[in-house]
Structures are given as C-alpha cells and as structure tokens.
Amino acid sequence: MQNRQEQIEKAQRLQDSIMQMMDTADKLQAELKGLAARKTEAETELNQLGGRMREIQAVLPQKLQTLHQLEQQRQAKEAQYMQLLEAQSTLVQVTRHR
C-alpha cells in the first residue's frame, strides 16, 4: 500500500512538473511571437531608413554644390559692400573739401 501511495505522489509530482513545463513553454512561445513581430517591425523600419539614406545621398552632391556657390556669392557681395564703404568715406572727404 505504501508503495502504491509513493507511486501516486510521484505521478502527481511528475504531472505538476509537466504542467509547469507546459506553462513555461507557452510563455516562451508568446515571448518568441512578440520578438518576431518586433524583428519584422525593425527590419521594415531599417528598409525605410535605407531608402531615405539613398535619397539623401543622391541629392547631397547637388546641395553641396549649391551651398558652395552661395558661399562664393556671399563673399563677392561682402567684398562689394566693403568697397562701397571705403568709397563712401572717400566721397564724403571729397565732398567736404569742396
């Protein structure tokens, strides 16, 4: 009788262990499903960002060229302005002497 009781207890412990393992497996499966969804989202975002990067790289050289031209124009205008300021003081002196 005691042997039978031990077998029943052992069977109960085994069933409890199996239930715990199944519960753990279910939790891991749910976590895996969530991680797979996050991976898919990350890959989609990565592809979108890669496309955006290619677009930027395509227009960047032209934008840099335009920036360089604008900088040259600014420097030329600045030089003209400085010449105008210098000429203005000379003009004022000439006008005062008359």
N, C-alpha and C. Protein backbone atom coordinates (compact mmCIF):
# COMPACT_ATOMS: atom_id res chain seq x y z
N MET A 1 0.81 -1.19 0.00
CA MET A 1 0.00 0.00 0.00
C MET A 1 0.86 1.26 0.00
N GLN A 2 1.92 1.23 0.79
CA GLN A 2 2.81 2.39 0.83
C GLN A 2 3.49 2.59 -0.51
N ASN A 3 3.83 1.52 -1.17
CA ASN A 3 4.45 1.60 -2.49
C ASN A 3 3.50 2.25 -3.48
N ARG A 4 2.25 1.90 -3.39
CA ARG A 4 1.24 2.49 -4.27
C ARG A 4 1.09 3.97 -3.98
N GLN A 5 1.09 4.35 -2.68
CA GLN A 5 0.97 5.76 -2.30
C GLN A 5 2.17 6.55 -2.84
N GLU A 6 3.37 5.98 -2.76
CA GLU A 6 4.57 6.63 -3.28
C GLU A 6 4.46 6.83 -4.79
N GLN A 7 3.92 5.81 -5.48
CA GLN A 7 3.74 5.93 -6.92
C GLN A 7 2.75 7.03 -7.27
N ILE A 8 1.69 7.15 -6.49
CA ILE A 8 0.70 8.20 -6.73
C ILE A 8 1.32 9.58 -6.52
N GLU A 9 2.09 9.73 -5.44
CA GLU A 9 2.75 11.01 -5.16
C GLU A 9 3.77 11.35 -6.26
N LYS A 10 4.50 10.35 -6.68
CA LYS A 10 5.50 10.56 -7.73
C LYS A 10 4.81 10.96 -9.03
N ALA A 11 3.71 10.31 -9.34
CA ALA A 11 2.95 10.63 -10.54
C ALA A 11 2.40 12.06 -10.46
N GLN A 12 1.95 12.45 -9.25
CA GLN A 12 1.44 13.82 -9.06
C GLN A 12 2.56 14.84 -9.27
N ARG A 13 3.73 14.56 -8.71
CA ARG A 13 4.88 15.47 -8.89
C ARG A 13 5.27 15.57 -10.36
N LEU A 14 5.25 14.43 -11.04
CA LEU A 14 5.57 14.44 -12.48
C LEU A 14 4.54 15.26 -13.26
N GLN A 15 3.28 15.09 -12.90
CA GLN A 15 2.22 15.86 -13.58
C GLN A 15 2.39 17.35 -13.30
N ASP A 16 2.74 17.72 -12.07
CA ASP A 16 2.97 19.12 -11.73
C ASP A 16 4.15 19.67 -12.54
N SER A 17 5.21 18.87 -12.63
CA SER A 17 6.38 19.30 -13.41
C SER A 17 6.03 19.49 -14.87
N ILE A 18 5.24 18.56 -15.41
CA ILE A 18 4.81 18.67 -16.81
C ILE A 18 3.97 19.92 -17.01
N MET A 19 3.07 20.21 -16.08
CA MET A 19 2.22 21.41 -16.18
C MET A 19 3.08 22.68 -16.12
N GLN A 20 4.08 22.70 -15.24
CA GLN A 20 4.97 23.85 -15.15
C GLN A 20 5.75 24.03 -16.46
N MET A 21 6.22 22.92 -16.99
CA MET A 21 6.97 22.97 -18.25
C MET A 21 6.09 23.48 -19.39
N MET A 22 4.84 23.02 -19.42
CA MET A 22 3.92 23.47 -20.47
C MET A 22 3.62 24.95 -20.32
N ASP A 23 3.46 25.40 -19.07
CA ASP A 23 3.21 26.82 -18.81
C ASP A 23 4.43 27.65 -19.26
N THR A 24 5.61 27.20 -18.92
CA THR A 24 6.84 27.88 -19.33
C THR A 24 6.96 27.90 -20.85
N ALA A 25 6.65 26.79 -21.49
CA ALA A 25 6.71 26.71 -22.95
C ALA A 25 5.72 27.68 -23.59
N ASP A 26 4.52 27.80 -23.02
CA ASP A 26 3.52 28.75 -23.54
C ASP A 26 4.02 30.18 -23.41
N LYS A 27 4.60 30.51 -22.25
CA LYS A 27 5.13 31.86 -22.03
C LYS A 27 6.27 32.15 -23.01
N LEU A 28 7.16 31.18 -23.19
CA LEU A 28 8.28 31.37 -24.12
C LEU A 28 7.78 31.52 -25.55
N GLN A 29 6.76 30.76 -25.90
CA GLN A 29 6.18 30.85 -27.25
C GLN A 29 5.59 32.23 -27.48
N ALA A 30 4.88 32.76 -26.48
CA ALA A 30 4.30 34.11 -26.59
C ALA A 30 5.40 35.16 -26.71
N GLU A 31 6.44 34.99 -25.91
CA GLU A 31 7.57 35.94 -25.98
C GLU A 31 8.25 35.86 -27.34
N LEU A 32 8.41 34.66 -27.84
CA LEU A 32 9.03 34.48 -29.16
C LEU A 32 8.19 35.14 -30.25
N LYS A 33 6.89 35.02 -30.14
CA LYS A 33 5.99 35.64 -31.12
C LYS A 33 6.13 37.16 -31.07
N GLY A 34 6.20 37.72 -29.87
CA GLY A 34 6.38 39.16 -29.71
C GLY A 34 7.71 39.63 -30.27
N LEU A 35 8.76 38.87 -30.00
CA LEU A 35 10.08 39.22 -30.52
C LEU A 35 10.13 39.14 -32.05
N ALA A 36 9.45 38.17 -32.60
CA ALA A 36 9.40 38.04 -34.06
C ALA A 36 8.69 39.24 -34.68
N ALA A 37 7.62 39.70 -34.03
CA ALA A 37 6.90 40.88 -34.52
C ALA A 37 7.78 42.11 -34.44
N ARG A 38 8.51 42.26 -33.33
CA ARG A 38 9.42 43.40 -33.19
C ARG A 38 10.53 43.35 -34.22
N LYS A 39 11.01 42.15 -34.53
CA LYS A 39 12.07 41.99 -35.53
C LYS A 39 11.54 42.43 -36.89
N THR A 40 10.33 42.02 -37.23
CA THR A 40 9.73 42.40 -38.51
C THR A 40 9.59 43.92 -38.60
N GLU A 41 9.12 44.54 -37.51
CA GLU A 41 8.97 45.99 -37.48
C GLU A 41 10.33 46.67 -37.66
N ALA A 42 11.34 46.17 -36.98
CA ALA A 42 12.68 46.75 -37.06
C ALA A 42 13.24 46.62 -38.47
N GLU A 43 13.02 45.47 -39.10
CA GLU A 43 13.51 45.27 -40.47
C GLU A 43 12.80 46.21 -41.44
N THR A 44 11.50 46.40 -41.24
CA THR A 44 10.74 47.32 -42.09
C THR A 44 11.26 48.73 -41.93
N GLU A 45 11.47 49.14 -40.70
CA GLU A 45 12.00 50.49 -40.45
C GLU A 45 13.40 50.65 -41.03
N LEU A 46 14.20 49.62 -40.90
CA LEU A 46 15.56 49.65 -41.46
C LEU A 46 15.52 49.81 -42.97
N ASN A 47 14.62 49.10 -43.63
CA ASN A 47 14.49 49.23 -45.08
C ASN A 47 14.05 50.64 -45.47
N GLN A 48 13.11 51.21 -44.71
CA GLN A 48 12.65 52.57 -44.99
C GLN A 48 13.78 53.57 -44.80
N LEU A 49 14.52 53.41 -43.72
CA LEU A 49 15.63 54.32 -43.46
C LEU A 49 16.73 54.17 -44.51
N GLY A 50 16.94 52.95 -44.97
CA GLY A 50 17.93 52.73 -46.03
C GLY A 50 17.51 53.45 -47.31
N GLY A 51 16.23 53.40 -47.63
CA GLY A 51 15.73 54.11 -48.81
C GLY A 51 15.89 55.61 -48.65
N ARG A 52 15.58 56.11 -47.47
CA ARG A 52 15.72 57.55 -47.21
C ARG A 52 17.19 57.96 -47.32
N MET A 53 18.08 57.13 -46.81
CA MET A 53 19.51 57.43 -46.89
C MET A 53 19.97 57.50 -48.34
N ARG A 54 19.49 56.59 -49.16
CA ARG A 54 19.86 56.62 -50.58
C ARG A 54 19.34 57.89 -51.26
N GLU A 55 18.13 58.32 -50.89
CA GLU A 55 17.58 59.55 -51.45
C GLU A 55 18.46 60.74 -51.07
N ILE A 56 18.85 60.79 -49.81
CA ILE A 56 19.68 61.90 -49.33
C ILE A 56 21.04 61.88 -50.03
N GLN A 57 21.62 60.71 -50.15
CA GLN A 57 22.91 60.60 -50.81
C GLN A 57 22.83 61.01 -52.28
N ALA A 58 21.67 60.83 -52.89
CA ALA A 58 21.50 61.20 -54.30
C ALA A 58 21.48 62.72 -54.48
N VAL A 59 20.86 63.44 -53.53
CA VAL A 59 20.74 64.90 -53.68
C VAL A 59 21.86 65.66 -52.97
N LEU A 60 22.59 65.01 -52.12
CA LEU A 60 23.62 65.69 -51.34
C LEU A 60 24.68 66.38 -52.19
N PRO A 61 25.24 65.74 -53.22
CA PRO A 61 26.27 66.43 -54.01
C PRO A 61 25.75 67.74 -54.63
N GLN A 62 24.55 67.73 -55.15
CA GLN A 62 24.00 68.94 -55.74
C GLN A 62 23.79 70.01 -54.67
N LYS A 63 23.30 69.61 -53.52
CA LYS A 63 23.09 70.57 -52.43
C LYS A 63 24.42 71.17 -51.98
N LEU A 64 25.45 70.35 -51.90
CA LEU A 64 26.77 70.86 -51.51
C LEU A 64 27.30 71.84 -52.55
N GLN A 65 27.08 71.53 -53.83
CA GLN A 65 27.50 72.42 -54.90
C GLN A 65 26.77 73.76 -54.80
N THR A 66 25.47 73.72 -54.56
CA THR A 66 24.69 74.93 -54.40
C THR A 66 25.19 75.73 -53.19
N LEU A 67 25.47 75.05 -52.10
CA LEU A 67 25.99 75.72 -50.91
C LEU A 67 27.31 76.42 -51.22
N HIS A 68 28.18 75.74 -51.94
CA HIS A 68 29.48 76.32 -52.31
C HIS A 68 29.27 77.57 -53.17
N GLN A 69 28.36 77.50 -54.14
CA GLN A 69 28.09 78.65 -54.99
C GLN A 69 27.52 79.82 -54.19
N LEU A 70 26.62 79.53 -53.28
CA LEU A 70 26.04 80.58 -52.44
C LEU A 70 27.11 81.22 -51.55
N GLU A 71 28.01 80.43 -51.05
CA GLU A 71 29.10 80.95 -50.23
C GLU A 71 29.99 81.88 -51.06
N GLN A 72 30.28 81.49 -52.29
CA GLN A 72 31.08 82.35 -53.17
C GLN A 72 30.34 83.66 -53.45
N GLN A 73 29.04 83.58 -53.70
CA GLN A 73 28.26 84.79 -53.95
C GLN A 73 28.25 85.69 -52.72
N ARG A 74 28.11 85.11 -51.55
CA ARG A 74 28.13 85.89 -50.32
C ARG A 74 29.46 86.62 -50.16
N GLN A 75 30.54 85.92 -50.40
CA GLN A 75 31.85 86.54 -50.28
C GLN A 75 32.02 87.68 -51.28
N ALA A 76 31.53 87.48 -52.51
CA ALA A 76 31.62 88.52 -53.53
C ALA A 76 30.80 89.74 -53.11
N LYS A 77 29.60 89.54 -52.62
CA LYS A 77 28.74 90.65 -52.17
C LYS A 77 29.38 91.37 -50.98
N GLU A 78 29.97 90.60 -50.11
CA GLU A 78 30.63 91.20 -48.96
C GLU A 78 31.80 92.08 -49.40
N ALA A 79 32.56 91.59 -50.36
CA ALA A 79 33.68 92.38 -50.89
C ALA A 79 33.17 93.66 -51.56
N GLN A 80 32.07 93.55 -52.31
CA GLN A 80 31.48 94.74 -52.94
C GLN A 80 31.01 95.73 -51.87
N TYR A 81 30.43 95.24 -50.83
CA TYR A 81 29.94 96.10 -49.75
C TYR A 81 31.11 96.83 -49.08
N MET A 82 32.19 96.08 -48.83
CA MET A 82 33.38 96.70 -48.21
C MET A 82 33.95 97.78 -49.13
N GLN A 83 33.98 97.54 -50.42
CA GLN A 83 34.45 98.55 -51.38
C GLN A 83 33.54 99.77 -51.35
N LEU A 84 32.24 99.54 -51.25
CA LEU A 84 31.29 100.64 -51.19
C LEU A 84 31.51 101.47 -49.93
N LEU A 85 31.75 100.80 -48.81
CA LEU A 85 32.01 101.54 -47.57
C LEU A 85 33.28 102.38 -47.69
N GLU A 86 34.32 101.80 -48.27
CA GLU A 86 35.57 102.55 -48.46
C GLU A 86 35.36 103.72 -49.40
N ALA A 87 34.62 103.53 -50.49
CA ALA A 87 34.36 104.60 -51.45
C ALA A 87 33.50 105.68 -50.82
N GLN A 88 32.60 105.31 -49.93
CA GLN A 88 31.72 106.28 -49.30
C GLN A 88 32.52 107.26 -48.44
N SER A 89 33.47 106.74 -47.67
CA SER A 89 34.28 107.63 -46.84
C SER A 89 35.13 108.56 -47.70
N THR A 90 35.65 108.07 -48.81
CA THR A 90 36.41 108.91 -49.72
C THR A 90 35.52 109.96 -50.34
N LEU A 91 34.31 109.60 -50.71
CA LEU A 91 33.35 110.53 -51.30
C LEU A 91 32.98 111.63 -50.31
N VAL A 92 32.81 111.23 -49.04
CA VAL A 92 32.49 112.22 -48.01
C VAL A 92 33.64 113.22 -47.87
N GLN A 93 34.87 112.72 -47.90
CA GLN A 93 36.04 113.61 -47.76
C GLN A 93 36.12 114.56 -48.96
N VAL A 94 35.89 114.08 -50.15
CA VAL A 94 35.94 114.91 -51.35
C VAL A 94 34.84 115.97 -51.28
N THR A 95 33.68 115.57 -50.84
CA THR A 95 32.56 116.50 -50.76
C THR A 95 32.82 117.58 -49.71
N ARG A 96 33.46 117.24 -48.63
CA ARG A 96 33.76 118.23 -47.57
C ARG A 96 34.78 119.25 -48.04
N HIS A 97 35.71 118.84 -48.86
CA HIS A 97 36.74 119.75 -49.33
C HIS A 97 36.22 120.73 -50.37
N ARG A 98 35.13 120.54 -50.91
CA ARG A 98 34.57 121.44 -51.94
C ARG A 98 33.94 122.60 -51.33
